[in-house]
Each structure stands twice: as structure tokens, then as C-alpha cells.
N, C-alpha and C. Protein backbone atom coordinates (compact mmCIF):
# COMPACT_ATOMS: atom_id res chain seq x y z
N MET A 1 -61.06 12.13 -30.70
CA MET A 1 -60.44 13.17 -30.10
C MET A 1 -58.65 12.80 -29.75
N GLU A 2 -57.80 13.59 -30.12
CA GLU A 2 -56.60 13.78 -30.17
C GLU A 2 -56.04 14.51 -28.82
N ILE A 3 -55.59 13.94 -27.51
CA ILE A 3 -55.30 14.87 -26.60
C ILE A 3 -53.80 15.12 -26.23
N ARG A 4 -53.30 15.79 -26.59
CA ARG A 4 -51.53 16.07 -26.52
C ARG A 4 -51.37 16.56 -25.14
N ILE A 5 -50.25 16.62 -24.76
CA ILE A 5 -49.45 17.75 -23.76
C ILE A 5 -47.95 18.14 -24.02
N LYS A 6 -47.95 19.11 -23.22
CA LYS A 6 -46.95 20.10 -23.62
C LYS A 6 -46.40 20.73 -22.69
N ARG A 7 -45.39 20.63 -22.83
CA ARG A 7 -44.58 21.73 -21.20
C ARG A 7 -44.61 22.86 -21.80
N ALA A 8 -45.14 23.82 -20.78
CA ALA A 8 -45.28 25.67 -21.36
C ALA A 8 -44.22 26.17 -21.29
N TYR A 9 -43.03 25.87 -21.32
CA TYR A 9 -41.75 26.57 -21.99
C TYR A 9 -41.45 25.96 -23.37
N ASP A 10 -42.42 24.76 -23.81
CA ASP A 10 -42.25 24.76 -25.15
C ASP A 10 -43.42 25.56 -26.02
N ALA A 11 -42.49 26.12 -27.03
CA ALA A 11 -43.51 26.88 -28.12
C ALA A 11 -44.60 26.38 -28.54
N ALA A 12 -45.39 27.14 -28.39
CA ALA A 12 -46.94 27.04 -29.44
C ALA A 12 -46.61 26.71 -30.83
N ALA A 13 -47.49 25.85 -31.16
CA ALA A 13 -47.75 25.30 -32.54
C ALA A 13 -49.02 25.31 -33.18
N ARG A 14 -48.92 25.69 -34.71
CA ARG A 14 -50.22 25.73 -34.85
C ARG A 14 -51.34 23.99 -34.61
N SER A 15 -50.57 23.17 -34.79
CA SER A 15 -50.81 21.72 -34.49
C SER A 15 -51.85 21.50 -33.31
N ASP A 16 -51.25 22.27 -32.61
CA ASP A 16 -51.64 22.21 -30.97
C ASP A 16 -53.50 21.97 -30.68
N GLY A 17 -53.83 22.70 -31.66
CA GLY A 17 -55.24 22.73 -31.24
C GLY A 17 -55.31 23.92 -30.05
N PRO A 18 -56.50 24.04 -29.44
CA PRO A 18 -56.57 24.84 -28.11
C PRO A 18 -55.74 24.36 -27.03
N ARG A 19 -55.06 25.41 -26.69
CA ARG A 19 -53.85 24.99 -25.39
C ARG A 19 -54.61 25.15 -24.24
N ILE A 20 -54.77 24.47 -23.22
CA ILE A 20 -55.57 24.82 -21.91
C ILE A 20 -54.35 24.28 -21.22
N LEU A 21 -53.98 25.22 -19.73
CA LEU A 21 -53.00 25.36 -18.86
C LEU A 21 -53.58 24.03 -17.72
N VAL A 22 -53.70 23.54 -17.33
CA VAL A 22 -54.22 22.59 -16.20
C VAL A 22 -52.85 22.76 -15.45
N ASP A 23 -52.61 23.95 -14.78
CA ASP A 23 -51.97 23.81 -13.82
C ASP A 23 -52.48 25.00 -12.75
N ARG A 24 -52.45 24.93 -11.28
CA ARG A 24 -53.22 26.12 -10.18
C ARG A 24 -52.08 26.82 -10.36
N ILE A 25 -50.88 27.08 -10.46
CA ILE A 25 -49.95 28.15 -10.25
C ILE A 25 -49.21 28.57 -11.99
N TRP A 26 -49.55 29.64 -12.15
CA TRP A 26 -48.95 29.97 -13.55
C TRP A 26 -47.70 29.84 -13.80
N PRO A 27 -46.88 29.13 -15.23
CA PRO A 27 -45.51 28.97 -15.24
C PRO A 27 -44.17 29.88 -14.95
N ARG A 28 -43.73 29.50 -13.87
CA ARG A 28 -42.50 31.21 -13.94
C ARG A 28 -42.08 31.24 -14.78
N GLY A 29 -41.85 32.88 -15.53
CA GLY A 29 -40.96 32.86 -16.55
C GLY A 29 -41.71 32.90 -17.98
N VAL A 30 -42.73 32.24 -17.73
CA VAL A 30 -43.83 32.38 -19.41
C VAL A 30 -44.47 33.23 -19.20
N ALA A 31 -44.68 34.26 -20.19
CA ALA A 31 -45.42 35.59 -20.53
C ALA A 31 -46.86 34.81 -20.74
N LYS A 32 -48.15 35.53 -20.35
CA LYS A 32 -49.43 35.59 -20.87
C LYS A 32 -49.47 35.69 -22.26
N GLU A 33 -48.83 36.30 -22.96
CA GLU A 33 -49.29 36.81 -23.92
C GLU A 33 -48.17 35.65 -24.71
N ASP A 34 -47.63 34.21 -24.41
CA ASP A 34 -46.74 33.95 -25.20
C ASP A 34 -46.93 32.62 -25.08
N ALA A 35 -48.23 32.52 -24.10
CA ALA A 35 -48.77 31.06 -24.19
C ALA A 35 -49.85 30.66 -24.80
N GLU A 36 -49.92 31.80 -25.24
CA GLU A 36 -51.23 31.27 -26.50
C GLU A 36 -52.06 30.54 -26.08
N LEU A 37 -52.93 30.12 -24.65
CA LEU A 37 -54.07 29.88 -24.32
C LEU A 37 -55.29 29.98 -24.29
N GLU A 38 -56.15 29.00 -24.40
CA GLU A 38 -57.31 28.90 -25.06
C GLU A 38 -57.69 29.57 -23.31
N ALA A 39 -57.91 28.47 -22.66
CA ALA A 39 -58.21 28.76 -21.40
C ALA A 39 -56.76 27.98 -20.01
N TRP A 40 -57.26 28.86 -19.17
CA TRP A 40 -56.34 28.39 -18.06
C TRP A 40 -57.66 27.35 -16.64
N LEU A 41 -57.66 26.60 -16.88
CA LEU A 41 -58.61 25.81 -15.57
C LEU A 41 -57.59 25.11 -14.94
N LYS A 42 -57.49 25.81 -14.10
CA LYS A 42 -56.88 25.70 -12.57
C LYS A 42 -57.83 24.80 -11.80
N GLY A 43 -59.10 24.34 -11.98
CA GLY A 43 -60.24 23.96 -11.37
C GLY A 43 -59.72 22.19 -11.57
N LEU A 44 -58.76 22.33 -12.63
CA LEU A 44 -58.41 20.82 -13.10
C LEU A 44 -57.23 20.76 -12.64
N ALA A 45 -56.55 21.32 -11.63
CA ALA A 45 -55.18 21.10 -11.53
C ALA A 45 -55.32 20.23 -9.79
N PRO A 46 -54.23 19.31 -9.01
CA PRO A 46 -53.96 18.66 -8.36
C PRO A 46 -54.33 19.90 -6.95
N THR A 47 -54.88 19.76 -5.78
CA THR A 47 -54.76 20.20 -5.08
C THR A 47 -53.18 20.92 -4.38
N THR A 48 -53.13 21.64 -3.98
CA THR A 48 -51.77 21.83 -3.43
C THR A 48 -51.39 20.85 -2.51
N GLU A 49 -52.14 20.43 -1.59
CA GLU A 49 -51.93 19.60 -0.86
C GLU A 49 -51.19 17.98 -1.91
N LEU A 50 -52.19 17.61 -2.45
CA LEU A 50 -51.70 16.41 -3.11
C LEU A 50 -50.78 16.73 -3.85
N ARG A 51 -50.37 18.14 -4.71
CA ARG A 51 -48.71 18.24 -5.48
C ARG A 51 -48.04 18.11 -5.01
N LYS A 52 -48.24 18.87 -3.16
CA LYS A 52 -46.80 18.67 -2.62
C LYS A 52 -46.66 17.41 -1.99
N TRP A 53 -47.49 16.48 -1.87
CA TRP A 53 -47.48 15.32 -1.06
C TRP A 53 -46.93 14.22 -2.60
N PHE A 54 -46.94 14.73 -3.94
CA PHE A 54 -47.04 13.74 -4.95
C PHE A 54 -45.18 14.26 -5.21
N GLY A 55 -45.01 15.01 -5.38
CA GLY A 55 -43.43 15.85 -5.43
C GLY A 55 -42.93 14.75 -6.40
N HIS A 56 -43.86 14.54 -7.41
CA HIS A 56 -43.10 14.24 -8.90
C HIS A 56 -42.16 12.72 -8.87
N ASP A 57 -42.88 11.97 -7.53
CA ASP A 57 -42.41 10.52 -7.52
C ASP A 57 -42.75 9.76 -8.34
N PRO A 58 -42.00 8.60 -8.61
CA PRO A 58 -42.25 7.90 -9.60
C PRO A 58 -42.87 6.75 -9.35
N GLU A 59 -42.37 6.74 -7.46
CA GLU A 59 -42.90 5.10 -6.75
C GLU A 59 -44.46 5.91 -6.24
N LYS A 60 -44.98 7.24 -6.49
CA LYS A 60 -46.10 7.02 -6.03
C LYS A 60 -47.46 7.71 -6.79
N TRP A 61 -46.82 7.39 -8.22
CA TRP A 61 -47.47 7.84 -9.41
C TRP A 61 -48.86 7.29 -9.26
N THR A 62 -48.82 5.72 -8.90
CA THR A 62 -49.84 5.43 -9.09
C THR A 62 -51.04 5.83 -7.90
N GLU A 63 -50.61 5.88 -7.02
CA GLU A 63 -51.09 6.62 -5.81
C GLU A 63 -51.84 7.54 -6.19
N PHE A 64 -50.88 8.99 -7.00
CA PHE A 64 -51.54 10.14 -6.97
C PHE A 64 -52.15 10.17 -8.03
N GLN A 65 -52.33 9.33 -9.03
CA GLN A 65 -53.34 9.31 -10.35
C GLN A 65 -54.97 8.75 -9.36
N GLN A 66 -54.85 8.12 -8.68
CA GLN A 66 -56.35 7.54 -7.85
C GLN A 66 -56.82 8.76 -7.12
N ARG A 67 -55.61 9.61 -6.09
CA ARG A 67 -56.38 10.37 -5.48
C ARG A 67 -56.77 11.63 -6.60
N TYR A 68 -55.56 12.26 -7.42
CA TYR A 68 -56.43 12.98 -8.36
C TYR A 68 -57.59 12.78 -8.98
N LEU A 69 -57.85 11.73 -9.72
CA LEU A 69 -59.16 11.04 -10.37
C LEU A 69 -60.21 11.59 -9.33
N LYS A 70 -59.85 10.90 -8.36
CA LYS A 70 -60.74 11.30 -6.60
C LYS A 70 -60.87 13.06 -6.92
N GLU A 71 -60.23 13.83 -6.86
CA GLU A 71 -60.28 15.24 -6.78
C GLU A 71 -61.01 15.39 -8.30
N LEU A 72 -60.80 15.40 -9.24
CA LEU A 72 -61.35 15.46 -10.13
C LEU A 72 -63.20 15.87 -10.37
N LYS A 73 -63.45 14.35 -9.73
CA LYS A 73 -64.72 13.69 -9.52
C LYS A 73 -65.43 15.07 -8.44
N GLN A 74 -65.04 15.52 -7.44
CA GLN A 74 -65.67 16.50 -6.65
C GLN A 74 -65.62 17.70 -7.60
N ASN A 75 -66.88 18.52 -6.32
CA ASN A 75 -67.43 19.91 -6.83
C ASN A 75 -66.30 20.37 -7.16
N ASP A 76 -65.60 20.90 -6.65
CA ASP A 76 -64.32 22.16 -7.05
C ASP A 76 -64.21 22.10 -8.60
N ALA A 77 -64.03 21.01 -8.94
CA ALA A 77 -63.53 20.73 -10.50
C ALA A 77 -64.58 20.83 -11.56
N VAL A 78 -65.86 20.10 -11.04
CA VAL A 78 -67.02 20.00 -12.26
C VAL A 78 -67.17 21.47 -13.13
N GLU A 79 -67.07 22.44 -12.67
CA GLU A 79 -66.99 23.41 -13.56
C GLU A 79 -66.12 23.86 -14.79
N ASP A 80 -64.79 23.61 -14.16
CA ASP A 80 -63.84 23.35 -14.99
C ASP A 80 -63.88 21.87 -16.33
N LEU A 81 -64.07 21.05 -15.54
CA LEU A 81 -64.40 19.83 -16.39
C LEU A 81 -65.66 20.37 -17.51
N GLU A 82 -66.75 20.99 -17.23
CA GLU A 82 -67.51 21.51 -18.11
C GLU A 82 -67.04 22.28 -19.27
N LYS A 83 -66.26 23.04 -18.74
CA LYS A 83 -65.66 24.13 -20.01
C LYS A 83 -64.76 23.02 -20.72
N LEU A 84 -64.26 22.33 -19.85
CA LEU A 84 -63.18 21.06 -21.15
C LEU A 84 -64.10 20.63 -21.65
N GLN A 85 -65.07 20.10 -21.61
CA GLN A 85 -66.00 19.13 -22.36
C GLN A 85 -66.61 20.01 -23.29
N SER A 86 -66.79 21.53 -23.19
CA SER A 86 -67.17 22.19 -24.51
C SER A 86 -66.41 22.52 -24.71
N ILE A 87 -65.14 22.64 -24.72
CA ILE A 87 -63.90 22.50 -25.74
C ILE A 87 -63.48 21.79 -26.62
N ILE A 88 -63.99 20.40 -25.89
CA ILE A 88 -63.66 19.22 -26.80
C ILE A 88 -64.73 18.79 -27.66
N GLU A 89 -65.93 19.44 -27.45
CA GLU A 89 -66.89 18.92 -28.47
C GLU A 89 -66.74 19.82 -29.52
N LYS A 90 -65.83 20.59 -29.86
CA LYS A 90 -65.84 21.87 -30.27
C LYS A 90 -64.48 22.01 -31.54
N HIS A 91 -63.53 20.57 -31.06
CA HIS A 91 -62.09 20.65 -31.53
C HIS A 91 -61.91 18.97 -32.09
N LYS A 92 -61.41 18.71 -32.86
CA LYS A 92 -60.80 17.10 -32.77
C LYS A 92 -59.26 17.00 -32.06
N ARG A 93 -58.60 18.16 -31.49
CA ARG A 93 -56.88 18.07 -30.60
C ARG A 93 -57.15 19.02 -29.80
N LEU A 94 -56.46 19.00 -28.87
CA LEU A 94 -56.60 20.04 -28.19
C LEU A 94 -54.80 18.91 -27.07
N THR A 95 -54.08 20.60 -26.97
CA THR A 95 -53.07 20.14 -26.11
C THR A 95 -53.39 20.20 -24.47
N LEU A 96 -52.70 19.64 -23.59
CA LEU A 96 -53.02 19.95 -22.05
C LEU A 96 -51.63 20.87 -21.74
N VAL A 97 -51.44 21.96 -21.37
CA VAL A 97 -50.32 22.49 -21.15
C VAL A 97 -50.10 22.75 -19.90
N PHE A 98 -48.83 22.04 -19.14
CA PHE A 98 -48.15 21.73 -17.63
C PHE A 98 -46.84 22.21 -17.62
N ALA A 99 -46.11 22.87 -16.54
CA ALA A 99 -45.17 23.42 -16.13
C ALA A 99 -43.94 22.67 -15.77
N ALA A 100 -44.70 21.21 -15.39
CA ALA A 100 -43.61 20.22 -14.46
C ALA A 100 -42.22 19.43 -15.34
N LYS A 101 -41.68 19.49 -14.46
CA LYS A 101 -39.76 18.88 -15.57
C LYS A 101 -40.23 17.49 -15.79
N ASP A 102 -41.39 16.67 -14.97
CA ASP A 102 -41.31 15.47 -15.19
C ASP A 102 -42.43 15.53 -16.37
N THR A 103 -41.54 14.64 -17.32
CA THR A 103 -42.55 15.00 -18.58
C THR A 103 -43.69 13.95 -18.67
N GLU A 104 -43.58 12.66 -17.64
CA GLU A 104 -44.33 11.11 -17.66
C GLU A 104 -45.22 10.95 -16.21
N HIS A 105 -44.58 11.87 -15.49
CA HIS A 105 -45.58 11.85 -13.90
C HIS A 105 -46.01 13.28 -13.67
N ASN A 106 -46.87 13.62 -13.86
CA ASN A 106 -47.56 15.26 -14.11
C ASN A 106 -49.24 14.83 -13.98
N ASN A 107 -49.83 15.86 -13.76
CA ASN A 107 -50.93 15.49 -13.65
C ASN A 107 -51.78 15.85 -15.21
N ALA A 108 -50.98 16.66 -16.14
CA ALA A 108 -51.63 16.58 -17.25
C ALA A 108 -51.34 15.16 -18.07
N VAL A 109 -50.53 13.97 -18.01
CA VAL A 109 -50.84 13.22 -18.15
C VAL A 109 -51.86 12.37 -17.56
N ALA A 110 -51.86 12.29 -16.41
CA ALA A 110 -52.93 11.71 -15.38
C ALA A 110 -54.36 11.99 -16.15
N LEU A 111 -54.71 14.10 -16.01
CA LEU A 111 -55.97 13.76 -17.02
C LEU A 111 -55.70 13.80 -18.57
N ARG A 112 -54.92 13.80 -19.28
CA ARG A 112 -54.87 13.16 -21.10
C ARG A 112 -55.57 11.47 -20.52
N ASP A 113 -55.37 11.11 -19.99
CA ASP A 113 -55.45 9.02 -19.98
C ASP A 113 -57.06 9.12 -19.18
N PHE A 114 -57.28 10.07 -17.89
CA PHE A 114 -58.34 10.00 -17.87
C PHE A 114 -59.75 10.43 -18.98
N LEU A 115 -59.31 11.47 -19.59
CA LEU A 115 -60.04 12.07 -20.45
C LEU A 115 -60.06 11.00 -21.63
N SER A 116 -58.89 10.45 -21.94
CA SER A 116 -58.92 9.49 -23.20
C SER A 116 -59.77 8.30 -22.93
N ASN A 117 -60.11 7.80 -21.55
CA ASN A 117 -60.96 6.49 -21.20
C ASN A 117 -62.07 6.56 -21.18
N GLY A 118 -62.70 8.11 -21.31
CA GLY A 118 -63.89 8.13 -21.75
C GLY A 118 -64.55 8.52 -20.44
N ASP A 119 -63.67 9.19 -18.89
CA ASP A 119 -64.25 9.45 -18.01
C ASP A 119 -64.80 10.25 -17.87
N LEU A 120 -64.52 11.25 -18.62
CA LEU A 120 -65.69 12.96 -18.35
C LEU A 120 -67.17 12.62 -18.73
N LYS A 121 -67.66 11.51 -18.81
CA LYS A 121 -69.19 11.62 -19.52
C LYS A 121 -69.81 11.16 -18.12
N GLN A 122 -68.82 10.65 -17.03
CA GLN A 122 -68.87 9.71 -15.57
C GLN A 122 -69.24 11.05 -14.69
N VAL A 123 -68.45 11.88 -14.87
CA VAL A 123 -68.73 13.15 -13.59
C VAL A 123 -70.31 13.57 -14.16
């Protein structure tokens, strides 16, 4: 399984595979019909409290990842994790879509790493 990440403001490409928005808030200035999304899985986004605490501060990155993965393993995210698992089983590639300006320190990167490590099966 190849998991890509891409900003919501970047054009969709045929090579993206299914595009999954993993933010709780719709990206400002992006029309829904232009996003070309397979799904919007809000439950895979960090809570508002965690997102605000993190603020894309690279010094908080490691702790953010730990807190975020803990949230993913809680009941609120289970339904969306199951939907994501279903999409993964049907495709060889997918793209996690996010809105953050920071392309290295965001929940899509953390989620990709979580999925790449096979942790989804543990949930």
C-alpha cells in the first residue's frame, strides 16, 4: 500500500488514488466539487484541543504524534478508521489530504506513519 499526502490546495491527479480529507474543518477557499475526494473522515483529525495545543510547532511534534495516535485509538475515531481500512483494502494507493501550510508536521504525516507501520490492525 502506497500512502501519499497532499495539501488540499494542490490539484488532484489521477495518480493520487482515492483522496481522503483527514481534517476536522473544511479547507478554506477549496470548493467541494474541486477537491475530488473519495471521503471526508473528520474522525481521523486531531481534536480541536490537540490541534490548538500543537499549533504546528516543530518542537511539539513528537508529543503531538503520541497524543494524536492515542486519540486515534479511542472510540470516536474507530468508525472512520474502519471506513479507511475498507478503502485501503480496495486500492493499492491512496492520498491523505490536509490543509496545513506545514507539510512536514501535520496530522496527515502522523496518520501516514501510523498506517505505514501497520498500526491500523491493532485498533
